[in-house]
Amino acid sequence: LEQLFAKVQADWRLVKFDVNPYKDSKDYFIISSTEEVNEILEESLVALNTILTSRFADSIRAEVEEFNTKKLSYLELLIDEWIECQKGWTYLESI
């Protein structure tokens, strides 16, 4: 379980968002794709839930819960809001 948790943490150290300039602009960038991040997020949430449901996870439970609730759940909400904001901005920017 500790190795699984360490793998989840290591996976997130390597994650990068794909951003591209918006309409040949050097000042504005938009997220081009969140597919890879969403895949890693889903895999991580499944792995953390597996750890949390194990009766052998007592030694790392608090750390896993914190990572799950304070980091990954927040990141999931942040990505959703970011994409919605970006959609609205790209629509309004052309007006």
N, C-alpha and C. Protein backbone atom coordinates (compact mmCIF):
# COMPACT_ATOMS: atom_id res chain seq x y z
N LEU A 1 0.81 -1.19 0.00
CA LEU A 1 0.00 0.00 0.00
C LEU A 1 0.86 1.26 0.00
N GLU A 2 1.95 1.21 0.76
CA GLU A 2 2.85 2.36 0.79
C GLU A 2 3.50 2.57 -0.57
N GLN A 3 3.83 1.48 -1.25
CA GLN A 3 4.41 1.59 -2.60
C GLN A 3 3.40 2.16 -3.58
N LEU A 4 2.15 1.75 -3.46
CA LEU A 4 1.10 2.27 -4.33
C LEU A 4 0.92 3.77 -4.11
N PHE A 5 0.93 4.19 -2.86
CA PHE A 5 0.81 5.61 -2.54
C PHE A 5 2.01 6.39 -3.06
N ALA A 6 3.19 5.83 -2.91
CA ALA A 6 4.41 6.48 -3.42
C ALA A 6 4.35 6.61 -4.94
N LYS A 7 3.79 5.61 -5.62
CA LYS A 7 3.66 5.67 -7.07
C LYS A 7 2.70 6.79 -7.47
N VAL A 8 1.59 6.91 -6.77
CA VAL A 8 0.62 7.97 -7.07
C VAL A 8 1.29 9.34 -6.91
N GLN A 9 2.01 9.52 -5.83
CA GLN A 9 2.70 10.79 -5.61
C GLN A 9 3.74 11.05 -6.69
N ALA A 10 4.48 10.03 -7.08
CA ALA A 10 5.51 10.17 -8.12
C ALA A 10 4.88 10.52 -9.47
N ASP A 11 3.73 9.92 -9.76
CA ASP A 11 3.04 10.22 -11.02
C ASP A 11 2.70 11.70 -11.10
N TRP A 12 2.28 12.29 -10.00
CA TRP A 12 1.88 13.70 -10.01
C TRP A 12 3.06 14.65 -10.10
N ARG A 13 4.22 14.20 -9.72
CA ARG A 13 5.41 15.06 -9.86
C ARG A 13 5.77 15.25 -11.33
N LEU A 14 5.32 14.34 -12.19
CA LEU A 14 5.66 14.38 -13.61
C LEU A 14 4.58 15.03 -14.48
N VAL A 15 3.43 15.32 -13.91
CA VAL A 15 2.31 15.84 -14.70
C VAL A 15 2.56 17.28 -15.13
N LYS A 16 2.28 17.51 -16.40
CA LYS A 16 2.37 18.86 -16.93
C LYS A 16 1.12 19.12 -17.77
N PHE A 17 0.62 20.34 -17.67
CA PHE A 17 -0.52 20.73 -18.49
C PHE A 17 -0.03 21.16 -19.86
N ASP A 18 -0.75 20.75 -20.90
CA ASP A 18 -0.44 21.20 -22.26
C ASP A 18 -1.11 22.55 -22.48
N VAL A 19 -0.29 23.57 -22.69
CA VAL A 19 -0.83 24.90 -22.98
C VAL A 19 -0.27 25.38 -24.32
N ASN A 20 -1.09 26.12 -25.02
CA ASN A 20 -0.70 26.68 -26.31
C ASN A 20 -1.05 28.16 -26.34
N PRO A 21 -0.32 28.92 -27.14
CA PRO A 21 -0.69 30.33 -27.30
C PRO A 21 -2.09 30.42 -27.91
N TYR A 22 -2.83 31.41 -27.48
CA TYR A 22 -4.18 31.61 -28.00
C TYR A 22 -4.11 32.51 -29.23
N LYS A 23 -4.50 31.97 -30.36
CA LYS A 23 -4.55 32.72 -31.63
C LYS A 23 -3.26 33.48 -31.91
N ASP A 24 -2.17 32.79 -31.93
CA ASP A 24 -0.86 33.39 -32.25
C ASP A 24 -0.45 34.50 -31.30
N SER A 25 -1.03 34.55 -30.14
CA SER A 25 -0.69 35.56 -29.15
C SER A 25 0.52 35.10 -28.34
N LYS A 26 1.36 36.05 -27.98
CA LYS A 26 2.50 35.72 -27.13
C LYS A 26 2.17 35.96 -25.66
N ASP A 27 1.02 36.59 -25.40
CA ASP A 27 0.66 36.95 -24.03
C ASP A 27 -0.41 36.06 -23.41
N TYR A 28 -1.19 35.36 -24.22
CA TYR A 28 -2.31 34.57 -23.72
C TYR A 28 -2.13 33.11 -24.08
N PHE A 29 -2.34 32.27 -23.08
CA PHE A 29 -2.21 30.83 -23.28
C PHE A 29 -3.47 30.14 -22.79
N ILE A 30 -3.82 29.05 -23.45
CA ILE A 30 -4.97 28.25 -23.04
C ILE A 30 -4.54 26.80 -22.90
N ILE A 31 -5.26 26.08 -22.07
CA ILE A 31 -5.01 24.64 -21.93
C ILE A 31 -5.54 23.97 -23.19
N SER A 32 -4.68 23.20 -23.83
CA SER A 32 -5.10 22.57 -25.08
C SER A 32 -5.81 21.23 -24.84
N SER A 33 -5.38 20.50 -23.81
CA SER A 33 -6.00 19.21 -23.55
C SER A 33 -5.80 18.83 -22.08
N THR A 34 -6.83 18.25 -21.51
CA THR A 34 -6.72 17.76 -20.14
C THR A 34 -6.92 16.25 -20.07
N GLU A 35 -6.92 15.59 -21.22
CA GLU A 35 -7.17 14.15 -21.25
C GLU A 35 -6.16 13.38 -20.41
N GLU A 36 -4.89 13.65 -20.61
CA GLU A 36 -3.85 12.92 -19.88
C GLU A 36 -3.95 13.19 -18.38
N VAL A 37 -4.18 14.44 -18.02
CA VAL A 37 -4.30 14.79 -16.61
C VAL A 37 -5.52 14.11 -16.00
N ASN A 38 -6.63 14.10 -16.74
CA ASN A 38 -7.84 13.45 -16.24
C ASN A 38 -7.66 11.95 -16.08
N GLU A 39 -6.91 11.32 -16.99
CA GLU A 39 -6.64 9.89 -16.86
C GLU A 39 -5.83 9.60 -15.60
N ILE A 40 -4.79 10.39 -15.39
CA ILE A 40 -3.95 10.21 -14.20
C ILE A 40 -4.77 10.48 -12.94
N LEU A 41 -5.63 11.48 -13.01
CA LEU A 41 -6.48 11.82 -11.87
C LEU A 41 -7.41 10.66 -11.53
N GLU A 42 -8.06 10.08 -12.53
CA GLU A 42 -8.96 8.95 -12.29
C GLU A 42 -8.19 7.75 -11.73
N GLU A 43 -7.04 7.45 -12.31
CA GLU A 43 -6.24 6.32 -11.82
C GLU A 43 -5.80 6.56 -10.37
N SER A 44 -5.43 7.78 -10.07
CA SER A 44 -4.98 8.12 -8.72
C SER A 44 -6.12 8.00 -7.71
N LEU A 45 -7.28 8.49 -8.09
CA LEU A 45 -8.43 8.41 -7.18
C LEU A 45 -8.80 6.96 -6.90
N VAL A 46 -8.74 6.11 -7.92
CA VAL A 46 -9.03 4.68 -7.72
C VAL A 46 -7.98 4.06 -6.79
N ALA A 47 -6.71 4.37 -7.04
CA ALA A 47 -5.63 3.82 -6.21
C ALA A 47 -5.77 4.27 -4.76
N LEU A 48 -6.06 5.56 -4.56
CA LEU A 48 -6.20 6.06 -3.19
C LEU A 48 -7.41 5.47 -2.49
N ASN A 49 -8.49 5.27 -3.22
CA ASN A 49 -9.66 4.63 -2.61
C ASN A 49 -9.37 3.18 -2.26
N THR A 50 -8.56 2.51 -3.07
CA THR A 50 -8.14 1.15 -2.76
C THR A 50 -7.35 1.12 -1.46
N ILE A 51 -6.44 2.07 -1.32
CA ILE A 51 -5.64 2.16 -0.09
C ILE A 51 -6.54 2.43 1.11
N LEU A 52 -7.44 3.40 0.96
CA LEU A 52 -8.29 3.80 2.09
C LEU A 52 -9.25 2.71 2.54
N THR A 53 -9.63 1.84 1.63
CA THR A 53 -10.56 0.77 2.02
C THR A 53 -9.84 -0.45 2.60
N SER A 54 -8.53 -0.44 2.54
CA SER A 54 -7.77 -1.56 3.09
C SER A 54 -7.65 -1.44 4.61
N ARG A 55 -7.77 -2.53 5.29
CA ARG A 55 -7.63 -2.51 6.74
C ARG A 55 -6.18 -2.40 7.18
N PHE A 56 -5.25 -2.54 6.22
CA PHE A 56 -3.83 -2.48 6.53
C PHE A 56 -3.24 -1.08 6.30
N ALA A 57 -4.07 -0.11 6.03
CA ALA A 57 -3.59 1.24 5.67
C ALA A 57 -3.51 2.19 6.85
N ASP A 58 -3.68 1.71 8.05
CA ASP A 58 -3.73 2.60 9.21
C ASP A 58 -2.50 3.49 9.35
N SER A 59 -1.33 2.98 9.01
CA SER A 59 -0.10 3.77 9.20
C SER A 59 0.01 4.94 8.23
N ILE A 60 -0.68 4.87 7.09
CA ILE A 60 -0.61 5.96 6.11
C ILE A 60 -1.97 6.59 5.81
N ARG A 61 -2.99 6.16 6.52
CA ARG A 61 -4.35 6.61 6.23
C ARG A 61 -4.49 8.14 6.26
N ALA A 62 -3.97 8.78 7.27
CA ALA A 62 -4.12 10.24 7.38
C ALA A 62 -3.45 10.96 6.21
N GLU A 63 -2.28 10.51 5.85
CA GLU A 63 -1.55 11.12 4.73
C GLU A 63 -2.28 10.90 3.40
N VAL A 64 -2.82 9.71 3.21
CA VAL A 64 -3.57 9.39 1.99
C VAL A 64 -4.85 10.20 1.93
N GLU A 65 -5.57 10.30 3.05
CA GLU A 65 -6.80 11.09 3.08
C GLU A 65 -6.52 12.56 2.75
N GLU A 66 -5.44 13.09 3.30
CA GLU A 66 -5.09 14.48 3.03
C GLU A 66 -4.76 14.67 1.55
N PHE A 67 -3.99 13.77 0.99
CA PHE A 67 -3.63 13.86 -0.43
C PHE A 67 -4.88 13.76 -1.29
N ASN A 68 -5.78 12.88 -0.90
CA ASN A 68 -7.01 12.66 -1.66
C ASN A 68 -7.94 13.87 -1.58
N THR A 69 -8.17 14.37 -0.39
CA THR A 69 -9.16 15.44 -0.22
C THR A 69 -8.60 16.83 -0.46
N LYS A 70 -7.39 17.08 -0.02
CA LYS A 70 -6.85 18.44 -0.13
C LYS A 70 -6.14 18.69 -1.45
N LYS A 71 -5.72 17.65 -2.13
CA LYS A 71 -4.97 17.87 -3.37
C LYS A 71 -5.75 17.39 -4.59
N LEU A 72 -6.05 16.11 -4.65
CA LEU A 72 -6.67 15.58 -5.86
C LEU A 72 -8.11 16.05 -6.05
N SER A 73 -8.88 16.06 -5.00
CA SER A 73 -10.27 16.52 -5.14
C SER A 73 -10.30 18.00 -5.50
N TYR A 74 -9.41 18.77 -4.90
CA TYR A 74 -9.31 20.19 -5.23
C TYR A 74 -8.86 20.37 -6.67
N LEU A 75 -7.91 19.58 -7.11
CA LEU A 75 -7.42 19.67 -8.48
C LEU A 75 -8.52 19.33 -9.47
N GLU A 76 -9.32 18.35 -9.17
CA GLU A 76 -10.43 17.97 -10.04
C GLU A 76 -11.40 19.15 -10.21
N LEU A 77 -11.75 19.79 -9.12
CA LEU A 77 -12.63 20.96 -9.18
C LEU A 77 -11.96 22.12 -9.92
N LEU A 78 -10.69 22.32 -9.67
CA LEU A 78 -9.95 23.41 -10.30
C LEU A 78 -9.91 23.23 -11.82
N ILE A 79 -9.63 22.03 -12.29
CA ILE A 79 -9.58 21.77 -13.73
C ILE A 79 -10.94 22.05 -14.37
N ASP A 80 -12.00 21.57 -13.74
CA ASP A 80 -13.35 21.80 -14.27
C ASP A 80 -13.65 23.29 -14.37
N GLU A 81 -13.34 24.03 -13.32
CA GLU A 81 -13.60 25.47 -13.32
C GLU A 81 -12.72 26.20 -14.33
N TRP A 82 -11.47 25.78 -14.43
CA TRP A 82 -10.53 26.39 -15.36
C TRP A 82 -11.02 26.24 -16.80
N ILE A 83 -11.47 25.04 -17.15
CA ILE A 83 -11.97 24.78 -18.50
C ILE A 83 -13.23 25.60 -18.78
N GLU A 84 -14.13 25.67 -17.81
CA GLU A 84 -15.34 26.48 -17.99
C GLU A 84 -15.00 27.96 -18.17
N CYS A 85 -14.09 28.46 -17.36
CA CYS A 85 -13.66 29.85 -17.46
C CYS A 85 -12.99 30.10 -18.81
N GLN A 86 -12.16 29.17 -19.23
CA GLN A 86 -11.47 29.30 -20.52
C GLN A 86 -12.46 29.32 -21.67
N LYS A 87 -13.49 28.47 -21.62
CA LYS A 87 -14.51 28.47 -22.66
C LYS A 87 -15.22 29.81 -22.73
N GLY A 88 -15.60 30.33 -21.56
CA GLY A 88 -16.27 31.63 -21.52
C GLY A 88 -15.37 32.74 -22.02
N TRP A 89 -14.11 32.72 -21.63
CA TRP A 89 -13.17 33.76 -22.04
C TRP A 89 -12.95 33.73 -23.54
N THR A 90 -12.74 32.54 -24.12
CA THR A 90 -12.49 32.47 -25.56
C THR A 90 -13.72 32.90 -26.34
N TYR A 91 -14.90 32.65 -25.79
CA TYR A 91 -16.12 33.11 -26.45
C TYR A 91 -16.23 34.64 -26.38
N LEU A 92 -16.03 35.19 -25.20
CA LEU A 92 -16.17 36.63 -25.02
C LEU A 92 -15.02 37.43 -25.62
N GLU A 93 -13.87 36.84 -25.71
CA GLU A 93 -12.70 37.54 -26.25
C GLU A 93 -12.91 37.97 -27.70
N SER A 94 -13.66 37.19 -28.43
CA SER A 94 -13.89 37.49 -29.84
C SER A 94 -14.94 38.58 -30.06
N ILE A 95 -15.64 38.94 -29.02
CA ILE A 95 -16.70 39.96 -29.15
C ILE A 95 -16.11 41.35 -29.14
